[in-house]
Amino acid sequence: MRSFTLSIIILASFSTPAPSMAPMPSVKEPSDMESVVCRRYNVVGSRVRKERICMTKREWVKLQNGTRDGVQDYLTRATAGAPRS
């Protein structure tokens, strides 16, 4: 009887499918533009104090492009009405 029970248990364990190994959700590496960059800037009016600003590379590029475009627009408007020498 003991061997019969043991054989039933063994057969039952082989007949049931093993749980499938679901693929682990991949952890995405942050792209180069999504990595965080921190910069330190001097605080106006202080000789010692500095401020740390952290943004992603994409945000730094957006800020730089916006600043460049704003300066270019200002210079274009400023020189549009200026007399040429």
Protein backbone atom coordinates (compact mmCIF):
# COMPACT_ATOMS: atom_id res chain seq x y z
CA MET A 1 0.00 0.00 0.00
CA ARG A 2 2.84 2.35 0.81
CA SER A 3 4.46 2.00 -2.63
CA PHE A 4 1.07 2.47 -4.29
CA THR A 5 0.55 5.78 -2.44
CA LEU A 6 4.07 6.89 -3.23
CA SER A 7 3.62 6.11 -6.92
CA ILE A 8 0.33 8.04 -7.01
CA ILE A 9 2.03 11.08 -5.47
CA ILE A 10 4.90 10.88 -7.95
CA LEU A 11 2.53 10.53 -10.92
CA ALA A 12 0.39 13.39 -9.68
CA SER A 13 3.40 15.66 -9.37
CA PHE A 14 4.46 14.94 -12.97
CA SER A 15 0.99 15.26 -14.42
CA THR A 16 0.34 18.76 -13.09
CA PRO A 17 2.07 21.42 -15.13
CA ALA A 18 4.72 23.40 -13.39
CA PRO A 19 3.89 27.05 -12.91
CA SER A 20 5.33 28.94 -15.82
CA MET A 21 8.07 31.35 -15.06
CA ALA A 22 6.66 34.67 -16.11
CA PRO A 23 9.36 36.97 -17.39
CA MET A 24 10.43 39.50 -14.85
CA PRO A 25 9.40 43.01 -15.78
CA SER A 26 12.55 44.58 -17.05
CA VAL A 27 13.87 47.50 -15.11
CA LYS A 28 14.44 50.21 -17.66
CA GLU A 29 17.75 51.92 -17.54
CA PRO A 30 17.22 55.66 -17.59
CA SER A 31 18.11 56.98 -20.99
CA ASP A 32 20.94 59.43 -21.20
CA MET A 33 18.52 62.35 -21.47
CA GLU A 34 16.59 61.17 -18.40
CA SER A 35 19.56 61.01 -16.04
CA VAL A 36 19.61 63.69 -13.35
CA VAL A 37 22.32 66.34 -13.35
CA CYS A 38 22.86 68.70 -10.42
CA ARG A 39 24.60 72.05 -10.76
CA ARG A 40 25.64 74.59 -8.14
CA TYR A 41 25.08 78.29 -8.69
CA ASN A 42 26.18 81.27 -6.65
CA VAL A 43 23.33 83.08 -4.94
CA VAL A 44 23.14 86.73 -5.94
CA GLY A 45 23.92 88.96 -2.96
CA SER A 46 25.97 86.37 -1.11
CA ARG A 47 29.66 85.64 -1.32
CA VAL A 48 29.38 82.23 0.29
CA ARG A 49 25.96 80.76 -0.31
CA LYS A 50 25.40 78.47 -3.28
CA GLU A 51 22.22 76.90 -4.54
CA ARG A 52 22.02 73.38 -5.91
CA ILE A 53 19.63 72.82 -8.80
CA CYS A 54 18.89 69.31 -10.08
CA MET A 55 17.13 68.58 -13.36
CA THR A 56 17.27 65.91 -16.04
CA LYS A 57 19.55 66.45 -19.01
CA ARG A 58 16.45 66.96 -21.16
CA GLU A 59 15.29 69.79 -18.84
CA TRP A 60 18.76 71.40 -18.89
CA VAL A 61 18.77 71.35 -22.70
CA LYS A 62 15.24 72.81 -22.80
CA LEU A 63 16.28 75.59 -20.40
CA GLN A 64 19.42 76.35 -22.42
CA ASN A 65 17.48 76.44 -25.70
CA GLY A 66 14.81 78.69 -24.19
CA THR A 67 17.44 81.07 -22.84
CA ARG A 68 19.30 81.14 -26.16
CA ASP A 69 16.08 81.76 -28.10
CA GLY A 70 15.06 84.53 -25.70
CA VAL A 71 18.40 86.30 -26.02
CA GLN A 72 18.35 85.91 -29.81
CA ASP A 73 14.82 87.34 -29.94
CA TYR A 74 15.84 90.28 -27.72
CA LEU A 75 18.88 91.05 -29.86
CA THR A 76 16.85 90.83 -33.06
CA ARG A 77 14.24 93.24 -31.74
CA ALA A 78 16.83 95.58 -30.25
CA THR A 79 18.82 95.86 -33.46
CA ALA A 80 15.78 96.02 -35.77
CA GLY A 81 15.13 99.69 -35.03
CA ALA A 82 18.74 100.74 -34.46
CA PRO A 83 20.31 102.92 -37.15
CA ARG A 84 23.23 101.32 -38.98
CA SER A 85 26.49 103.18 -39.03
